[in-house]
N, C-alpha and C. Protein backbone atom coordinates (compact mmCIF):
# COMPACT_ATOMS: atom_id res chain seq x y z
N MET A 1 -180.28 -102.67 259.32
CA MET A 1 -180.69 -102.09 258.11
C MET A 1 -179.85 -100.97 257.89
N ARG A 2 -179.55 -100.06 258.81
CA ARG A 2 -178.81 -98.91 258.55
C ARG A 2 -177.31 -99.28 258.21
N ALA A 3 -176.75 -100.28 258.93
CA ALA A 3 -175.41 -100.71 258.64
C ALA A 3 -175.32 -101.25 257.21
N THR A 4 -176.25 -101.87 256.69
CA THR A 4 -176.39 -102.50 255.29
C THR A 4 -176.44 -101.25 254.25
N ARG A 5 -177.25 -100.16 254.55
CA ARG A 5 -177.25 -99.02 253.71
C ARG A 5 -175.92 -98.35 253.73
N ALA A 6 -175.39 -98.14 254.92
CA ALA A 6 -174.03 -97.45 255.06
C ALA A 6 -173.00 -98.23 254.27
N LEU A 7 -173.06 -99.58 254.44
CA LEU A 7 -172.04 -100.34 253.63
C LEU A 7 -172.13 -100.20 252.25
N GLY A 8 -173.42 -100.26 251.78
CA GLY A 8 -173.69 -100.03 250.29
C GLY A 8 -173.28 -98.75 249.75
N ALA A 9 -173.58 -97.66 250.52
CA ALA A 9 -173.16 -96.46 250.22
C ALA A 9 -171.65 -96.32 250.09
N LEU A 10 -170.88 -96.91 251.01
CA LEU A 10 -169.41 -96.82 251.07
C LEU A 10 -168.86 -97.57 249.90
N LEU A 11 -169.47 -98.68 249.61
CA LEU A 11 -169.06 -99.47 248.46
C LEU A 11 -169.17 -98.80 247.14
N ALA A 12 -170.38 -98.15 246.97
CA ALA A 12 -170.66 -97.30 245.74
C ALA A 12 -169.54 -96.19 245.60
N MET A 13 -169.28 -95.51 246.63
CA MET A 13 -168.34 -94.35 246.64
C MET A 13 -166.89 -94.98 246.27
N ALA A 14 -166.55 -96.08 246.89
CA ALA A 14 -165.24 -96.76 246.50
C ALA A 14 -165.21 -97.07 245.03
N VAL A 15 -166.24 -97.54 244.45
CA VAL A 15 -166.30 -97.93 242.92
C VAL A 15 -166.18 -96.61 242.16
N ALA A 16 -166.88 -95.56 242.57
CA ALA A 16 -166.75 -94.38 241.81
C ALA A 16 -165.31 -93.78 241.89
N VAL A 17 -164.67 -93.93 242.96
CA VAL A 17 -163.22 -93.35 243.10
C VAL A 17 -162.36 -94.24 242.20
N VAL A 18 -162.56 -95.49 242.08
CA VAL A 18 -161.73 -96.26 241.23
C VAL A 18 -161.94 -95.91 239.69
N VAL A 19 -163.19 -95.67 239.38
CA VAL A 19 -163.55 -95.30 238.09
C VAL A 19 -162.90 -93.90 237.62
N LEU A 20 -162.89 -93.09 238.49
CA LEU A 20 -162.42 -91.76 238.31
C LEU A 20 -160.85 -91.83 238.24
N VAL A 21 -160.29 -92.64 239.08
CA VAL A 21 -158.72 -92.69 239.05
C VAL A 21 -158.18 -93.38 237.87
N ALA A 22 -158.98 -94.32 237.29
CA ALA A 22 -158.42 -95.05 236.11
C ALA A 22 -158.15 -94.16 234.97
N PRO A 23 -157.04 -94.42 234.13
CA PRO A 23 -156.66 -93.57 233.03
C PRO A 23 -157.80 -93.40 232.06
N ALA A 24 -158.06 -92.31 231.50
CA ALA A 24 -159.13 -92.01 230.61
C ALA A 24 -159.03 -92.84 229.35
N SER A 25 -157.68 -93.11 228.92
CA SER A 25 -157.55 -93.84 227.66
C SER A 25 -157.33 -95.31 227.73
N ALA A 26 -157.47 -95.80 229.04
CA ALA A 26 -157.33 -97.22 229.24
C ALA A 26 -158.37 -98.06 228.49
N GLY A 27 -158.00 -98.99 227.72
CA GLY A 27 -159.01 -99.92 227.09
C GLY A 27 -159.46 -99.29 225.73
N GLU A 28 -159.16 -98.08 225.41
CA GLU A 28 -159.60 -97.49 224.27
C GLU A 28 -158.81 -97.77 223.01
N SER A 29 -159.30 -97.58 221.83
CA SER A 29 -158.54 -97.75 220.65
C SER A 29 -158.27 -96.51 219.94
N ALA A 30 -156.98 -96.32 219.64
CA ALA A 30 -156.70 -95.01 218.91
C ALA A 30 -156.07 -95.28 217.49
N ALA A 31 -156.53 -94.43 216.64
CA ALA A 31 -156.15 -94.55 215.18
C ALA A 31 -154.59 -94.04 215.09
N SER A 32 -153.88 -94.54 214.14
CA SER A 32 -152.55 -94.10 213.79
C SER A 32 -152.37 -93.87 212.35
N ARG A 33 -151.49 -93.06 212.04
CA ARG A 33 -151.11 -92.76 210.62
C ARG A 33 -149.62 -92.88 210.50
N VAL A 34 -149.10 -93.36 209.40
CA VAL A 34 -147.65 -93.39 209.17
C VAL A 34 -147.34 -92.75 207.77
N THR A 35 -146.37 -91.88 207.74
CA THR A 35 -145.94 -91.23 206.44
C THR A 35 -144.57 -91.97 206.02
N LEU A 36 -144.38 -91.75 204.75
CA LEU A 36 -143.20 -92.33 204.21
C LEU A 36 -142.67 -91.27 203.21
N ARG A 37 -141.36 -90.91 203.30
CA ARG A 37 -140.85 -90.05 202.33
C ARG A 37 -139.55 -90.73 201.89
N VAL A 38 -139.31 -90.53 200.48
CA VAL A 38 -138.24 -91.24 199.82
C VAL A 38 -137.55 -90.09 199.11
N ALA A 39 -136.24 -89.76 199.60
CA ALA A 39 -135.43 -88.71 199.06
C ALA A 39 -134.47 -89.25 198.02
N GLY A 40 -135.01 -89.69 196.87
CA GLY A 40 -134.16 -90.16 195.75
C GLY A 40 -133.47 -91.39 196.12
N GLY A 41 -134.15 -92.24 196.86
CA GLY A 41 -133.55 -93.50 197.43
C GLY A 41 -133.43 -93.28 198.85
N PRO A 42 -132.38 -93.98 199.52
CA PRO A 42 -132.28 -93.84 200.90
C PRO A 42 -131.72 -92.41 201.25
N PRO A 43 -131.91 -92.13 202.41
CA PRO A 43 -132.60 -92.71 203.45
C PRO A 43 -134.16 -92.55 203.33
N PHE A 44 -134.77 -93.53 203.74
CA PHE A 44 -136.30 -93.58 203.87
C PHE A 44 -136.73 -92.93 205.18
N HIS A 45 -137.66 -92.17 205.36
CA HIS A 45 -137.96 -91.56 206.62
C HIS A 45 -139.40 -91.18 206.64
N GLY A 46 -139.95 -90.93 207.79
CA GLY A 46 -141.29 -90.58 207.97
C GLY A 46 -141.65 -90.41 209.44
N ARG A 47 -142.95 -90.30 209.79
CA ARG A 47 -143.56 -90.06 211.05
C ARG A 47 -144.75 -90.88 211.32
N VAL A 48 -144.91 -91.30 212.61
CA VAL A 48 -146.14 -91.86 213.04
C VAL A 48 -146.87 -90.72 213.76
N ILE A 49 -148.12 -90.67 213.43
CA ILE A 49 -149.02 -89.61 213.89
C ILE A 49 -150.31 -90.25 214.62
N SER A 50 -150.74 -89.68 215.70
CA SER A 50 -151.86 -90.24 216.52
C SER A 50 -152.39 -89.14 217.34
N LYS A 51 -153.62 -89.14 217.61
CA LYS A 51 -154.25 -88.20 218.59
C LYS A 51 -153.75 -88.56 219.97
N ASP A 52 -153.53 -89.82 220.25
CA ASP A 52 -153.13 -90.31 221.56
C ASP A 52 -151.63 -90.28 221.71
N PRO A 53 -150.94 -89.48 222.68
CA PRO A 53 -149.54 -89.40 222.65
C PRO A 53 -148.93 -90.77 223.01
N ALA A 54 -149.59 -91.75 223.59
CA ALA A 54 -149.05 -93.11 223.98
C ALA A 54 -148.81 -93.81 222.59
N CYS A 55 -149.32 -93.42 221.51
CA CYS A 55 -149.19 -94.21 220.27
C CYS A 55 -148.22 -93.51 219.21
N ILE A 56 -147.39 -92.72 219.86
CA ILE A 56 -146.39 -92.06 218.92
C ILE A 56 -144.90 -92.62 219.23
N ALA A 57 -144.55 -92.53 220.49
CA ALA A 57 -143.13 -92.84 220.76
C ALA A 57 -142.95 -94.47 220.85
N ASN A 58 -141.79 -94.90 220.37
CA ASN A 58 -141.36 -96.22 220.44
C ASN A 58 -142.28 -97.15 219.69
N ARG A 59 -142.84 -96.83 218.61
CA ARG A 59 -143.65 -97.58 217.80
C ARG A 59 -142.85 -98.37 216.76
N LYS A 60 -143.01 -99.63 216.45
CA LYS A 60 -142.34 -100.36 215.47
C LYS A 60 -142.76 -100.02 214.14
N VAL A 61 -141.87 -99.56 213.21
CA VAL A 61 -142.26 -99.33 211.87
C VAL A 61 -141.53 -100.23 210.85
N LEU A 62 -142.15 -100.79 209.91
CA LEU A 62 -141.62 -101.74 208.95
C LEU A 62 -141.54 -101.03 207.56
N LEU A 63 -140.43 -101.32 206.92
CA LEU A 63 -140.44 -100.81 205.51
C LEU A 63 -140.61 -102.11 204.61
N ILE A 64 -141.66 -102.08 203.77
CA ILE A 64 -141.91 -103.27 202.99
C ILE A 64 -141.90 -102.91 201.52
N GLU A 65 -141.58 -103.96 200.68
CA GLU A 65 -141.74 -103.86 199.20
C GLU A 65 -143.07 -104.38 198.90
N VAL A 66 -143.70 -103.46 198.14
CA VAL A 66 -145.12 -103.83 197.56
C VAL A 66 -144.86 -104.61 196.27
N ALA A 67 -144.89 -105.93 196.33
CA ALA A 67 -144.66 -106.75 195.15
C ALA A 67 -146.02 -107.09 194.59
N PRO A 68 -146.18 -106.82 193.21
CA PRO A 68 -147.55 -107.10 192.54
C PRO A 68 -147.83 -108.54 192.49
N ASP A 69 -146.76 -109.39 192.45
CA ASP A 69 -147.02 -110.87 192.21
C ASP A 69 -147.20 -111.71 193.41
N HIS A 70 -146.85 -111.10 194.55
CA HIS A 70 -146.85 -111.87 195.79
C HIS A 70 -147.12 -110.95 197.03
N ALA A 71 -146.95 -111.52 198.22
CA ALA A 71 -147.29 -110.79 199.51
C ALA A 71 -146.17 -109.82 199.66
N PRO A 72 -146.45 -108.72 200.35
CA PRO A 72 -145.42 -107.77 200.65
C PRO A 72 -144.11 -108.47 201.40
N ILE A 73 -142.97 -107.87 201.07
CA ILE A 73 -141.76 -108.34 201.60
C ILE A 73 -141.26 -107.29 202.66
N ASP A 74 -140.87 -107.75 203.94
CA ASP A 74 -140.36 -106.97 204.89
C ASP A 74 -138.94 -106.75 204.49
N TYR A 75 -138.44 -105.46 204.60
CA TYR A 75 -137.12 -105.14 204.34
C TYR A 75 -136.24 -104.78 205.61
N ALA A 76 -137.02 -103.95 206.41
CA ALA A 76 -136.20 -103.44 207.53
C ALA A 76 -137.28 -103.00 208.64
N ASP A 77 -136.88 -102.90 209.84
CA ASP A 77 -137.70 -102.39 210.90
C ASP A 77 -136.96 -101.51 211.72
N ASN A 78 -137.60 -100.59 212.48
CA ASN A 78 -137.09 -99.59 213.23
C ASN A 78 -138.13 -99.08 214.29
N ARG A 79 -137.68 -98.30 215.19
CA ARG A 79 -138.75 -97.81 216.19
C ARG A 79 -138.84 -96.20 216.08
N THR A 80 -139.81 -95.62 216.49
CA THR A 80 -139.97 -94.16 216.37
C THR A 80 -139.25 -93.53 217.66
N ASN A 81 -138.88 -92.33 217.43
CA ASN A 81 -138.36 -91.65 218.50
C ASN A 81 -139.48 -90.99 219.38
N GLY A 82 -139.16 -90.08 220.30
CA GLY A 82 -140.21 -89.52 221.07
C GLY A 82 -141.20 -88.54 220.36
N LYS A 83 -140.82 -88.10 219.17
CA LYS A 83 -141.69 -87.28 218.37
C LYS A 83 -142.41 -88.08 217.26
N GLY A 84 -142.20 -89.32 217.11
CA GLY A 84 -142.85 -90.27 216.20
C GLY A 84 -141.98 -90.29 214.91
N LYS A 85 -140.79 -89.77 214.91
CA LYS A 85 -140.03 -89.92 213.64
C LYS A 85 -139.18 -91.16 213.60
N TRP A 86 -139.03 -91.62 212.40
CA TRP A 86 -138.33 -92.84 212.17
C TRP A 86 -137.50 -92.61 210.82
N VAL A 87 -136.47 -93.52 210.68
CA VAL A 87 -135.54 -93.42 209.53
C VAL A 87 -134.95 -94.72 209.20
N PHE A 88 -134.74 -95.15 207.94
CA PHE A 88 -134.13 -96.30 207.41
C PHE A 88 -133.01 -95.76 206.46
N SER A 89 -131.84 -96.14 206.65
CA SER A 89 -130.75 -95.53 205.76
C SER A 89 -130.25 -96.67 204.87
N SER A 90 -130.68 -97.89 204.77
CA SER A 90 -130.19 -98.94 204.03
C SER A 90 -130.69 -99.02 202.63
N GLN A 91 -129.91 -99.59 201.74
CA GLN A 91 -130.32 -99.74 200.36
C GLN A 91 -131.26 -100.88 200.26
N LEU A 92 -132.15 -100.88 199.36
CA LEU A 92 -133.14 -102.07 199.19
C LEU A 92 -132.75 -102.68 197.80
N GLN A 93 -132.35 -103.87 197.80
CA GLN A 93 -131.88 -104.60 196.64
C GLN A 93 -133.06 -104.96 195.77
N GLY A 94 -133.18 -104.34 194.58
CA GLY A 94 -134.29 -104.74 193.59
C GLY A 94 -135.66 -104.20 193.97
N ALA A 95 -135.87 -103.48 194.90
CA ALA A 95 -137.30 -103.01 195.37
C ALA A 95 -137.51 -101.80 194.31
N THR A 96 -138.73 -101.79 193.90
CA THR A 96 -139.29 -100.72 192.97
C THR A 96 -140.39 -99.83 193.64
N VAL A 97 -141.15 -100.54 194.50
CA VAL A 97 -142.20 -99.87 195.18
C VAL A 97 -142.20 -100.20 196.62
N VAL A 98 -142.22 -99.22 197.58
CA VAL A 98 -142.06 -99.50 199.01
C VAL A 98 -143.26 -98.76 199.66
N GLN A 99 -143.44 -99.25 200.85
CA GLN A 99 -144.52 -98.69 201.78
C GLN A 99 -144.12 -98.83 203.23
N GLY A 100 -144.56 -97.89 204.13
CA GLY A 100 -144.25 -97.97 205.52
C GLY A 100 -145.47 -98.47 206.21
N LYS A 101 -145.20 -99.24 207.15
CA LYS A 101 -146.23 -99.86 208.07
C LYS A 101 -145.98 -99.75 209.46
N VAL A 102 -146.78 -99.21 210.24
CA VAL A 102 -146.66 -99.11 211.75
C VAL A 102 -147.49 -100.14 212.32
N THR A 103 -146.79 -101.02 213.17
CA THR A 103 -147.54 -102.21 213.69
C THR A 103 -148.53 -101.86 214.92
N ARG A 104 -149.39 -102.78 215.17
CA ARG A 104 -150.38 -102.42 216.21
C ARG A 104 -149.59 -102.70 217.68
N SER A 105 -149.90 -101.82 218.60
CA SER A 105 -149.25 -102.03 219.79
C SER A 105 -150.24 -101.56 221.00
N LYS A 106 -149.86 -101.90 222.21
CA LYS A 106 -150.74 -101.55 223.32
C LYS A 106 -149.97 -101.05 224.53
N PRO A 107 -149.53 -99.85 224.38
CA PRO A 107 -148.66 -99.10 225.44
C PRO A 107 -149.64 -98.61 226.58
N GLY A 108 -149.35 -98.89 227.78
CA GLY A 108 -150.18 -98.34 228.85
C GLY A 108 -151.72 -98.47 228.73
N GLY A 109 -152.09 -99.66 228.28
CA GLY A 109 -153.52 -99.87 228.09
C GLY A 109 -154.30 -99.41 226.85
N VAL A 110 -153.61 -98.59 226.11
CA VAL A 110 -154.19 -97.99 224.88
C VAL A 110 -153.89 -98.97 223.69
N SER A 111 -154.94 -99.32 222.96
CA SER A 111 -154.76 -100.18 221.73
C SER A 111 -154.57 -99.18 220.67
N CYS A 112 -153.32 -99.12 220.13
CA CYS A 112 -152.84 -98.21 218.92
C CYS A 112 -152.95 -99.19 217.76
N ARG A 113 -153.71 -98.76 216.75
CA ARG A 113 -154.01 -99.48 215.58
C ARG A 113 -152.84 -99.42 214.58
N SER A 114 -152.75 -100.31 213.78
CA SER A 114 -151.71 -100.41 212.73
C SER A 114 -152.09 -99.50 211.60
N ALA A 115 -151.16 -99.13 210.74
CA ALA A 115 -151.45 -98.28 209.53
C ALA A 115 -150.54 -98.47 208.53
N LEU A 116 -150.86 -98.14 207.32
CA LEU A 116 -149.86 -98.29 206.11
C LEU A 116 -149.86 -96.92 205.51
N SER A 117 -148.64 -96.54 204.97
CA SER A 117 -148.49 -95.25 204.28
C SER A 117 -148.89 -95.51 202.87
N PRO A 118 -149.01 -94.51 202.04
CA PRO A 118 -149.20 -94.59 200.64
C PRO A 118 -147.86 -95.21 200.04
N ALA A 119 -148.07 -96.18 199.05
CA ALA A 119 -146.92 -96.73 198.36
C ALA A 119 -146.08 -95.68 197.58
N LYS A 120 -144.82 -95.79 197.62
CA LYS A 120 -143.89 -94.88 196.86
C LYS A 120 -143.03 -95.55 195.86
N ALA A 121 -142.98 -95.15 194.59
CA ALA A 121 -142.09 -95.69 193.69
C ALA A 121 -140.62 -95.17 193.86
N LEU A 122 -139.76 -96.07 193.69
CA LEU A 122 -138.25 -95.63 193.77
C LEU A 122 -137.76 -95.30 192.44
């Protein structure tokens, strides 16, 4: 009987240690924001913002045209730097309204949500 209690107590302590050692953000979902600035045409630039640092660096950002008649058109994509900054320097043929979109990702067990910037007219 004592051996069973001792084994149960040891098992409970082992589980507690595993729970404490696991990353606090593992399995959680973090909100993201993306900004878009248009400086008289190209370059288009902005930043990805999140309370979780894992959701800032190396995030994929798309530059899309917001077309009123059909689904958005992807024009370019890039990745953020370590501070969440991104830039596109290419011209967009015929685009009149653009929007930035950061895609969903899962770095280090954190689920980083996607986000859209406000639309900007060119």
